[in-house]
Amino acid sequence: RRPDKARAWFQRATAADSDCGDAWAWWLRFELSTDDDEDRKQRIEKLEAACSKAAPRHGQVWPAVAKDTANYGLSTIQVLRLVAEALAHTRQL
């Protein structure tokens, strides 16, 4: 378990393609699965703010969740949380 190395990878992935919502959701899933320390809440808030600023529109799961009529009018952060939840039910490669 090397969470710092994983965070650096997620930062590079989202910087390279900030429009890919799935990368943001995988990163949120990772942060939610890490140990609950004093910085976790701040990291998640920072991640959500950066995702909201990037306003992603692409990915494999993101468009399906974002375009679902039940999710009409949701903010980027709310869609991010729904996509992260949806990814929890997908099979990992």
PDB file of N, CA and C in Angstrom:
ATOM      1  N   ARG A   1       0.851  -1.187   0.000  1.00  0.00           N
ATOM      2  CA  ARG A   1       0.000   0.000   0.000  1.00  0.00           C
ATOM      3  C   ARG A   1       0.887   1.238   0.000  1.00  0.00           C
ATOM      4  N   ARG A   2       0.786   1.960  -1.106  1.00  0.00           N
ATOM      5  CA  ARG A   2       1.550   3.198  -1.242  1.00  0.00           C
ATOM      6  C   ARG A   2       0.605   4.311  -1.697  1.00  0.00           C
ATOM      7  N   PRO A   3      -0.164   4.850  -0.774  1.00  0.00           N
ATOM      8  CA  PRO A   3      -1.175   5.843  -1.157  1.00  0.00           C
ATOM      9  C   PRO A   3      -0.602   7.116  -1.765  1.00  0.00           C
ATOM     10  N   ASP A   4       0.578   7.543  -1.344  1.00  0.00           N
ATOM     11  CA  ASP A   4       1.161   8.759  -1.914  1.00  0.00           C
ATOM     12  C   ASP A   4       1.488   8.575  -3.393  1.00  0.00           C
ATOM     13  N   LYS A   5       2.002   7.406  -3.721  1.00  0.00           N
ATOM     14  CA  LYS A   5       2.318   7.110  -5.118  1.00  0.00           C
ATOM     15  C   LYS A   5       1.035   7.031  -5.947  1.00  0.00           C
ATOM     16  N   ALA A   6      -0.010   6.447  -5.393  1.00  0.00           N
ATOM     17  CA  ALA A   6      -1.288   6.363  -6.094  1.00  0.00           C
ATOM     18  C   ALA A   6      -1.882   7.754  -6.298  1.00  0.00           C
ATOM     19  N   ARG A   7      -1.801   8.606  -5.297  1.00  0.00           N
ATOM     20  CA  ARG A   7      -2.309   9.983  -5.431  1.00  0.00           C
ATOM     21  C   ARG A   7      -1.571  10.737  -6.535  1.00  0.00           C
ATOM     22  N   ALA A   8      -0.262  10.548  -6.591  1.00  0.00           N
ATOM     23  CA  ALA A   8       0.531  11.200  -7.642  1.00  0.00           C
ATOM     24  C   ALA A   8       0.085  10.703  -9.012  1.00  0.00           C
ATOM     25  N   TRP A   9      -0.198   9.415  -9.136  1.00  0.00           N
ATOM     26  CA  TRP A   9      -0.673   8.856 -10.400  1.00  0.00           C
ATOM     27  C   TRP A   9      -2.023   9.461 -10.769  1.00  0.00           C
ATOM     28  N   PHE A  10      -2.950   9.549  -9.815  1.00  0.00           N
ATOM     29  CA  PHE A  10      -4.267  10.139 -10.092  1.00  0.00           C
ATOM     30  C   PHE A  10      -4.132  11.611 -10.484  1.00  0.00           C
ATOM     31  N   GLN A  11      -3.238  12.331  -9.831  1.00  0.00           N
ATOM     32  CA  GLN A  11      -3.023  13.740 -10.181  1.00  0.00           C
ATOM     33  C   GLN A  11      -2.527  13.879 -11.611  1.00  0.00           C
ATOM     34  N   ARG A  12      -1.593  13.021 -12.003  1.00  0.00           N
ATOM     35  CA  ARG A  12      -1.084  13.064 -13.382  1.00  0.00           C
ATOM     36  C   ARG A  12      -2.171  12.671 -14.375  1.00  0.00           C
ATOM     37  N   ALA A  13      -2.968  11.670 -14.035  1.00  0.00           N
ATOM     38  CA  ALA A  13      -4.023  11.216 -14.945  1.00  0.00           C
ATOM     39  C   ALA A  13      -5.080  12.290 -15.164  1.00  0.00           C
ATOM     40  N   THR A  14      -5.484  12.954 -14.102  1.00  0.00           N
ATOM     41  CA  THR A  14      -6.507  13.993 -14.244  1.00  0.00           C
ATOM     42  C   THR A  14      -5.936  15.258 -14.871  1.00  0.00           C
ATOM     43  N   ALA A  15      -4.653  15.514 -14.689  1.00  0.00           N
ATOM     44  CA  ALA A  15      -4.026  16.671 -15.344  1.00  0.00           C
ATOM     45  C   ALA A  15      -3.888  16.422 -16.842  1.00  0.00           C
ATOM     46  N   ALA A  16      -3.578  15.192 -17.214  1.00  0.00           N
ATOM     47  CA  ALA A  16      -3.411  14.856 -18.623  1.00  0.00           C
ATOM     48  C   ALA A  16      -4.735  14.890 -19.372  1.00  0.00           C
ATOM     49  N   ASP A  17      -5.820  14.469 -18.724  1.00  0.00           N
ATOM     50  CA  ASP A  17      -7.136  14.456 -19.356  1.00  0.00           C
ATOM     51  C   ASP A  17      -8.176  14.819 -18.307  1.00  0.00           C
ATOM     52  N   SER A  18      -8.307  16.095 -18.039  1.00  0.00           N
ATOM     53  CA  SER A  18      -9.233  16.542 -16.997  1.00  0.00           C
ATOM     54  C   SER A  18     -10.689  16.367 -17.406  1.00  0.00           C
ATOM     55  N   ASP A  19     -10.943  16.086 -18.681  1.00  0.00           N
ATOM     56  CA  ASP A  19     -12.309  15.913 -19.167  1.00  0.00           C
ATOM     57  C   ASP A  19     -12.833  14.490 -18.942  1.00  0.00           C
ATOM     58  N   CYS A  20     -11.980  13.597 -18.483  1.00  0.00           N
ATOM     59  CA  CYS A  20     -12.376  12.206 -18.247  1.00  0.00           C
ATOM     60  C   CYS A  20     -12.933  12.069 -16.829  1.00  0.00           C
ATOM     61  N   GLY A  21     -14.242  12.033 -16.731  1.00  0.00           N
ATOM     62  CA  GLY A  21     -14.897  11.955 -15.431  1.00  0.00           C
ATOM     63  C   GLY A  21     -14.619  10.671 -14.682  1.00  0.00           C
ATOM     64  N   ASP A  22     -14.379   9.590 -15.418  1.00  0.00           N
ATOM     65  CA  ASP A  22     -14.108   8.311 -14.759  1.00  0.00           C
ATOM     66  C   ASP A  22     -12.827   8.384 -13.920  1.00  0.00           C
ATOM     67  N   ALA A  23     -11.811   9.088 -14.409  1.00  0.00           N
ATOM     68  CA  ALA A  23     -10.558   9.212 -13.651  1.00  0.00           C
ATOM     69  C   ALA A  23     -10.805   9.935 -12.332  1.00  0.00           C
ATOM     70  N   TRP A  24     -11.601  10.994 -12.379  1.00  0.00           N
ATOM     71  CA  TRP A  24     -11.940  11.719 -11.149  1.00  0.00           C
ATOM     72  C   TRP A  24     -12.699  10.803 -10.184  1.00  0.00           C
ATOM     73  N   ALA A  25     -13.622   9.994 -10.712  1.00  0.00           N
ATOM     74  CA  ALA A  25     -14.418   9.109  -9.862  1.00  0.00           C
ATOM     75  C   ALA A  25     -13.567   7.995  -9.249  1.00  0.00           C
ATOM     76  N   TRP A  26     -12.629   7.445 -10.028  1.00  0.00           N
ATOM     77  CA  TRP A  26     -11.733   6.424  -9.478  1.00  0.00           C
ATOM     78  C   TRP A  26     -10.891   7.013  -8.357  1.00  0.00           C
ATOM     79  N   TRP A  27     -10.448   8.260  -8.549  1.00  0.00           N
ATOM     80  CA  TRP A  27      -9.650   8.923  -7.522  1.00  0.00           C
ATOM     81  C   TRP A  27     -10.478   9.126  -6.256  1.00  0.00           C
ATOM     82  N   LEU A  28     -11.727   9.551  -6.398  1.00  0.00           N
ATOM     83  CA  LEU A  28     -12.597   9.713  -5.232  1.00  0.00           C
ATOM     84  C   LEU A  28     -12.806   8.375  -4.537  1.00  0.00           C
ATOM     85  N   ARG A  29     -13.032   7.331  -5.318  1.00  0.00           N
ATOM     86  CA  ARG A  29     -13.190   5.996  -4.725  1.00  0.00           C
ATOM     87  C   ARG A  29     -11.956   5.600  -3.935  1.00  0.00           C
ATOM     88  N   PHE A  30     -10.792   5.885  -4.491  1.00  0.00           N
ATOM     89  CA  PHE A  30      -9.540   5.582  -3.799  1.00  0.00           C
ATOM     90  C   PHE A  30      -9.466   6.336  -2.467  1.00  0.00           C
ATOM     91  N   GLU A  31      -9.750   7.632  -2.496  1.00  0.00           N
ATOM     92  CA  GLU A  31      -9.677   8.438  -1.278  1.00  0.00           C
ATOM     93  C   GLU A  31     -10.688   7.968  -0.233  1.00  0.00           C
ATOM     94  N   LEU A  32     -11.854   7.554  -0.672  1.00  0.00           N
ATOM     95  CA  LEU A  32     -12.860   7.059   0.270  1.00  0.00           C
ATOM     96  C   LEU A  32     -12.466   5.722   0.882  1.00  0.00           C
ATOM     97  N   SER A  33     -11.637   4.956   0.165  1.00  0.00           N
ATOM     98  CA  SER A  33     -11.248   3.632   0.663  1.00  0.00           C
ATOM     99  C   SER A  33      -9.998   3.679   1.537  1.00  0.00           C
ATOM    100  N   THR A  34      -9.307   4.806   1.564  1.00  0.00           N
ATOM    101  CA  THR A  34      -8.087   4.895   2.375  1.00  0.00           C
ATOM    102  C   THR A  34      -8.441   5.059   3.845  1.00  0.00           C
ATOM    103  N   ASP A  35      -7.430   4.890   4.680  1.00  0.00           N
ATOM    104  CA  ASP A  35      -7.636   5.025   6.117  1.00  0.00           C
ATOM    105  C   ASP A  35      -8.149   6.418   6.453  1.00  0.00           C
ATOM    106  N   ASP A  36      -8.971   6.475   7.474  1.00  0.00           N
ATOM    107  CA  ASP A  36      -9.567   7.740   7.888  1.00  0.00           C
ATOM    108  C   ASP A  36      -8.581   8.503   8.756  1.00  0.00           C
ATOM    109  N   ASP A  37      -7.842   9.425   8.138  1.00  0.00           N
ATOM    110  CA  ASP A  37      -6.923  10.252   8.909  1.00  0.00           C
ATOM    111  C   ASP A  37      -7.409  11.695   8.905  1.00  0.00           C
ATOM    112  N   GLU A  38      -6.660  12.566   9.541  1.00  0.00           N
ATOM    113  CA  GLU A  38      -7.106  13.950   9.708  1.00  0.00           C
ATOM    114  C   GLU A  38      -7.124  14.727   8.391  1.00  0.00           C
ATOM    115  N   ASP A  39      -6.358  14.307   7.397  1.00  0.00           N
ATOM    116  CA  ASP A  39      -6.294  15.030   6.133  1.00  0.00           C
ATOM    117  C   ASP A  39      -7.277  14.507   5.076  1.00  0.00           C
ATOM    118  N   ARG A  40      -7.911  13.403   5.361  1.00  0.00           N
ATOM    119  CA  ARG A  40      -8.775  12.757   4.355  1.00  0.00           C
ATOM    120  C   ARG A  40      -9.897  13.685   3.889  1.00  0.00           C
ATOM    121  N   LYS A  41     -10.562  14.322   4.817  1.00  0.00           N
ATOM    122  CA  LYS A  41     -11.676  15.198   4.461  1.00  0.00           C
ATOM    123  C   LYS A  41     -11.198  16.350   3.580  1.00  0.00           C
ATOM    124  N   GLN A  42     -10.051  16.920   3.920  1.00  0.00           N
ATOM    125  CA  GLN A  42      -9.497  18.009   3.122  1.00  0.00           C
ATOM    126  C   GLN A  42      -9.122  17.546   1.719  1.00  0.00           C
ATOM    127  N   ARG A  43      -8.547  16.344   1.614  1.00  0.00           N
ATOM    128  CA  ARG A  43      -8.176  15.811   0.301  1.00  0.00           C
ATOM    129  C   ARG A  43      -9.412  15.607  -0.561  1.00  0.00           C
ATOM    130  N   ILE A  44     -10.487  15.090   0.033  1.00  0.00           N
ATOM    131  CA  ILE A  44     -11.713  14.856  -0.719  1.00  0.00           C
ATOM    132  C   ILE A  44     -12.337  16.176  -1.154  1.00  0.00           C
ATOM    133  N   GLU A  45     -12.364  17.160  -0.272  1.00  0.00           N
ATOM    134  CA  GLU A  45     -12.916  18.475  -0.642  1.00  0.00           C
ATOM    135  C   GLU A  45     -12.102  19.115  -1.757  1.00  0.00           C
ATOM    136  N   LYS A  46     -10.787  18.987  -1.693  1.00  0.00           N
ATOM    137  CA  LYS A  46      -9.909  19.541  -2.722  1.00  0.00           C
ATOM    138  C   LYS A  46     -10.144  18.827  -4.056  1.00  0.00           C
ATOM    139  N   LEU A  47     -10.279  17.514  -4.007  1.00  0.00           N
ATOM    140  CA  LEU A  47     -10.543  16.726  -5.207  1.00  0.00           C
ATOM    141  C   LEU A  47     -11.876  17.138  -5.833  1.00  0.00           C
ATOM    142  N   GLU A  48     -12.922  17.272  -5.014  1.00  0.00           N
ATOM    143  CA  GLU A  48     -14.235  17.656  -5.517  1.00  0.00           C
ATOM    144  C   GLU A  48     -14.209  19.051  -6.132  1.00  0.00           C
ATOM    145  N   ALA A  49     -13.480  19.973  -5.522  1.00  0.00           N
ATOM    146  CA  ALA A  49     -13.380  21.331  -6.068  1.00  0.00           C
ATOM    147  C   ALA A  49     -12.655  21.328  -7.411  1.00  0.00           C
ATOM    148  N   ALA A  50     -11.583  20.557  -7.507  1.00  0.00           N
ATOM    149  CA  ALA A  50     -10.834  20.479  -8.764  1.00  0.00           C
ATOM    150  C   ALA A  50     -11.678  19.829  -9.858  1.00  0.00           C
ATOM    151  N   CYS A  51     -12.429  18.808  -9.505  1.00  0.00           N
ATOM    152  CA  CYS A  51     -13.305  18.144 -10.470  1.00  0.00           C
ATOM    153  C   CYS A  51     -14.398  19.096 -10.937  1.00  0.00           C
ATOM    154  N   SER A  52     -14.972  19.831 -10.022  1.00  0.00           N
ATOM    155  CA  SER A  52     -16.010  20.793 -10.371  1.00  0.00           C
ATOM    156  C   SER A  52     -15.476  21.862 -11.311  1.00  0.00           C
ATOM    157  N   LYS A  53     -14.260  22.298 -11.068  1.00  0.00           N
ATOM    158  CA  LYS A  53     -13.633  23.303 -11.923  1.00  0.00           C
ATOM    159  C   LYS A  53     -13.353  22.731 -13.316  1.00  0.00           C
ATOM    160  N   ALA A  54     -12.941  21.463 -13.385  1.00  0.00           N
ATOM    161  CA  ALA A  54     -12.632  20.824 -14.663  1.00  0.00           C
ATOM    162  C   ALA A  54     -13.896  20.510 -15.468  1.00  0.00           C
ATOM    163  N   ALA A  55     -15.023  20.296 -14.793  1.00  0.00           N
ATOM    164  CA  ALA A  55     -16.306  19.984 -15.432  1.00  0.00           C
ATOM    165  C   ALA A  55     -16.176  18.872 -16.476  1.00  0.00           C
ATOM    166  N   PRO A  56     -15.799  17.663 -16.057  1.00  0.00           N
ATOM    167  CA  PRO A  56     -15.601  16.568 -17.010  1.00  0.00           C
ATOM    168  C   PRO A  56     -16.897  16.159 -17.703  1.00  0.00           C
ATOM    169  N   ARG A  57     -16.764  15.636 -18.919  1.00  0.00           N
ATOM    170  CA  ARG A  57     -17.926  15.219 -19.707  1.00  0.00           C
ATOM    171  C   ARG A  57     -17.761  13.843 -20.349  1.00  0.00           C
ATOM    172  N   HIS A  58     -16.574  13.251 -20.264  1.00  0.00           N
ATOM    173  CA  HIS A  58     -16.327  11.995 -20.961  1.00  0.00           C
ATOM    174  C   HIS A  58     -15.886  10.889 -20.020  1.00  0.00           C
ATOM    175  N   GLY A  59     -15.815   9.683 -20.565  1.00  0.00           N
ATOM    176  CA  GLY A  59     -15.432   8.494 -19.819  1.00  0.00           C
ATOM    177  C   GLY A  59     -16.349   7.358 -20.224  1.00  0.00           C
ATOM    178  N   GLN A  60     -16.215   6.225 -19.606  1.00  0.00           N
ATOM    179  CA  GLN A  60     -17.087   5.097 -19.911  1.00  0.00           C
ATOM    180  C   GLN A  60     -18.353   5.127 -19.069  1.00  0.00           C
ATOM    181  N   VAL A  61     -18.231   5.500 -17.809  1.00  0.00           N
ATOM    182  CA  VAL A  61     -19.377   5.490 -16.897  1.00  0.00           C
ATOM    183  C   VAL A  61     -19.965   6.891 -16.735  1.00  0.00           C
ATOM    184  N   TRP A  62     -19.124   7.913 -16.725  1.00  0.00           N
ATOM    185  CA  TRP A  62     -19.569   9.289 -16.466  1.00  0.00           C
ATOM    186  C   TRP A  62     -20.740   9.720 -17.346  1.00  0.00           C
ATOM    187  N   PRO A  63     -20.667   9.580 -18.685  1.00  0.00           N
ATOM    188  CA  PRO A  63     -21.775  10.074 -19.513  1.00  0.00           C
ATOM    189  C   PRO A  63     -23.101   9.368 -19.221  1.00  0.00           C
ATOM    190  N   ALA A  64     -23.040   8.081 -18.969  1.00  0.00           N
ATOM    191  CA  ALA A  64     -24.271   7.341 -18.688  1.00  0.00           C
ATOM    192  C   ALA A  64     -24.944   7.851 -17.422  1.00  0.00           C
ATOM    193  N   VAL A  65     -24.164   8.130 -16.408  1.00  0.00           N
ATOM    194  CA  VAL A  65     -24.717   8.635 -15.144  1.00  0.00           C
ATOM    195  C   VAL A  65     -25.166  10.078 -15.309  1.00  0.00           C
ATOM    196  N   ALA A  66     -24.337  10.892 -15.942  1.00  0.00           N
ATOM    197  CA  ALA A  66     -24.646  12.318 -16.087  1.00  0.00           C
ATOM    198  C   ALA A  66     -25.878  12.552 -16.964  1.00  0.00           C
ATOM    199  N   LYS A  67     -26.075  11.706 -17.977  1.00  0.00           N
ATOM    200  CA  LYS A  67     -27.184  11.897 -18.905  1.00  0.00           C
ATOM    201  C   LYS A  67     -28.456  11.163 -18.502  1.00  0.00           C
ATOM    202  N   ASP A  68     -28.390  10.393 -17.422  1.00  0.00           N
ATOM    203  CA  ASP A  68     -29.579   9.712 -16.927  1.00  0.00           C
ATOM    204  C   ASP A  68     -30.607  10.767 -16.513  1.00  0.00           C
ATOM    205  N   THR A  69     -31.839  10.606 -16.980  1.00  0.00           N
ATOM    206  CA  THR A  69     -32.868  11.604 -16.695  1.00  0.00           C
ATOM    207  C   THR A  69     -33.140  11.748 -15.200  1.00  0.00           C
ATOM    208  N   ALA A  70     -32.891  10.710 -14.440  1.00  0.00           N
ATOM    209  CA  ALA A  70     -33.090  10.789 -12.984  1.00  0.00           C
ATOM    210  C   ALA A  70     -32.059  11.724 -12.340  1.00  0.00           C
ATOM    211  N   ASN A  71     -30.957  11.980 -13.036  1.00  0.00           N
ATOM    212  CA  ASN A  71     -29.892  12.806 -12.488  1.00  0.00           C
ATOM    213  C   ASN A  71     -29.879  14.205 -13.100  1.00  0.00           C
ATOM    214  N   TYR A  72     -30.934  14.576 -13.781  1.00  0.00           N
ATOM    215  CA  TYR A  72     -30.995  15.892 -14.414  1.00  0.00           C
ATOM    216  C   TYR A  72     -30.875  17.004 -13.374  1.00  0.00           C
ATOM    217  N   GLY A  73     -30.033  17.966 -13.657  1.00  0.00           N
ATOM    218  CA  GLY A  73     -29.875  19.118 -12.776  1.00  0.00           C
ATOM    219  C   GLY A  73     -28.910  18.928 -11.620  1.00  0.00           C
ATOM    220  N   LEU A  74     -28.257  17.776 -11.541  1.00  0.00           N
ATOM    221  CA  LEU A  74     -27.298  17.558 -10.458  1.00  0.00           C
ATOM    222  C   LEU A  74     -26.001  18.304 -10.739  1.00  0.00           C
ATOM    223  N   SER A  75     -25.332  18.703  -9.689  1.00  0.00           N
ATOM    224  CA  SER A  75     -24.050  19.385  -9.841  1.00  0.00           C
ATOM    225  C   SER A  75     -22.970  18.372 -10.226  1.00  0.00           C
ATOM    226  N   THR A  76     -21.829  18.897 -10.641  1.00  0.00           N
ATOM    227  CA  THR A  76     -20.706  18.041 -11.005  1.00  0.00           C
ATOM    228  C   THR A  76     -20.269  17.184  -9.819  1.00  0.00           C
ATOM    229  N   ILE A  77     -20.279  17.747  -8.635  1.00  0.00           N
ATOM    230  CA  ILE A  77     -19.868  16.995  -7.443  1.00  0.00           C
ATOM    231  C   ILE A  77     -20.846  15.860  -7.161  1.00  0.00           C
ATOM    232  N   GLN A  78     -22.129  16.117  -7.326  1.00  0.00           N
ATOM    233  CA  GLN A  78     -23.120  15.070  -7.104  1.00  0.00           C
ATOM    234  C   GLN A  78     -22.976  13.955  -8.132  1.00  0.00           C
ATOM    235  N   VAL A  79     -22.724  14.318  -9.389  1.00  0.00           N
ATOM    236  CA  VAL A  79     -22.500  13.304 -10.426  1.00  0.00           C
ATOM    237  C   VAL A  79     -21.229  12.523 -10.110  1.00  0.00           C
ATOM    238  N   LEU A  80     -20.189  13.219  -9.659  1.00  0.00           N
ATOM    239  CA  LEU A  80     -18.937  12.553  -9.284  1.00  0.00           C
ATOM    240  C   LEU A  80     -19.193  11.478  -8.230  1.00  0.00           C
ATOM    241  N   ARG A  81     -19.957  11.804  -7.227  1.00  0.00           N
ATOM    242  CA  ARG A  81     -20.253  10.828  -6.166  1.00  0.00           C
ATOM    243  C   ARG A  81     -21.059   9.641  -6.699  1.00  0.00           C
ATOM    244  N   LEU A  82     -22.007   9.909  -7.592  1.00  0.00           N
ATOM    245  CA  LEU A  82     -22.797   8.823  -8.177  1.00  0.00           C
ATOM    246  C   LEU A  82     -21.937   7.915  -9.055  1.00  0.00           C
ATOM    247  N   VAL A  83     -21.033   8.512  -9.827  1.00  0.00           N
ATOM    248  CA  VAL A  83     -20.149   7.711 -10.676  1.00  0.00           C
ATOM    249  C   VAL A  83     -19.207   6.878  -9.817  1.00  0.00           C
ATOM    250  N   ALA A  84     -18.673   7.455  -8.753  1.00  0.00           N
ATOM    251  CA  ALA A  84     -17.797   6.706  -7.847  1.00  0.00           C
ATOM    252  C   ALA A  84     -18.549   5.519  -7.242  1.00  0.00           C
ATOM    253  N   GLU A  85     -19.813   5.731  -6.910  1.00  0.00           N
ATOM    254  CA  GLU A  85     -20.630   4.637  -6.379  1.00  0.00           C
ATOM    255  C   GLU A  85     -20.872   3.580  -7.445  1.00  0.00           C
ATOM    256  N   ALA A  86     -21.126   4.016  -8.672  1.00  0.00           N
ATOM    257  CA  ALA A  86     -21.347   3.067  -9.778  1.00  0.00           C
ATOM    258  C   ALA A  86     -20.089   2.256 -10.053  1.00  0.00           C
ATOM    259  N   LEU A  87     -18.931   2.884  -9.956  1.00  0.00           N
ATOM    260  CA  LEU A  87     -17.668   2.174 -10.184  1.00  0.00           C
ATOM    261  C   LEU A  87     -17.416   1.143  -9.096  1.00  0.00           C
ATOM    262  N   ALA A  88     -17.978   1.339  -7.928  1.00  0.00           N
ATOM    263  CA  ALA A  88     -17.814   0.366  -6.851  1.00  0.00           C
ATOM    264  C   ALA A  88     -18.460  -0.966  -7.211  1.00  0.00           C
ATOM    265  N   HIS A  89     -19.403  -0.924  -8.136  1.00  0.00           N
ATOM    266  CA  HIS A  89     -20.102  -2.134  -8.526  1.00  0.00           C
ATOM    267  C   HIS A  89     -19.587  -2.715  -9.840  1.00  0.00           C
ATOM    268  N   THR A  90     -18.516  -2.152 -10.376  1.00  0.00           N
ATOM    269  CA  THR A  90     -17.942  -2.681 -11.614  1.00  0.00           C
ATOM    270  C   THR A  90     -16.786  -3.593 -11.289  1.00  0.00           C
ATOM    271  N   ARG A  91     -16.521  -4.468 -12.212  1.00  0.00           N
ATOM    272  CA  ARG A  91     -15.404  -5.387 -12.052  1.00  0.00           C
ATOM    273  C   ARG A  91     -14.122  -4.660 -12.416  1.00  0.00           C
ATOM    274  N   GLN A  92     -13.118  -4.772 -11.575  1.00  0.00           N
ATOM    275  CA  GLN A  92     -11.838  -4.119 -11.843  1.00  0.00           C
ATOM    276  C   GLN A  92     -11.053  -4.925 -12.842  1.00  0.00           C
ATOM    277  N   LEU A  93     -10.232  -4.242 -13.626  1.00  0.00           N
ATOM    278  CA  LEU A  93      -9.407  -4.921 -14.628  1.00  0.00           C
ATOM    279  C   LEU A  93      -8.209  -5.578 -14.004  1.00  0.00           C
TER     280      LEU A  93
END
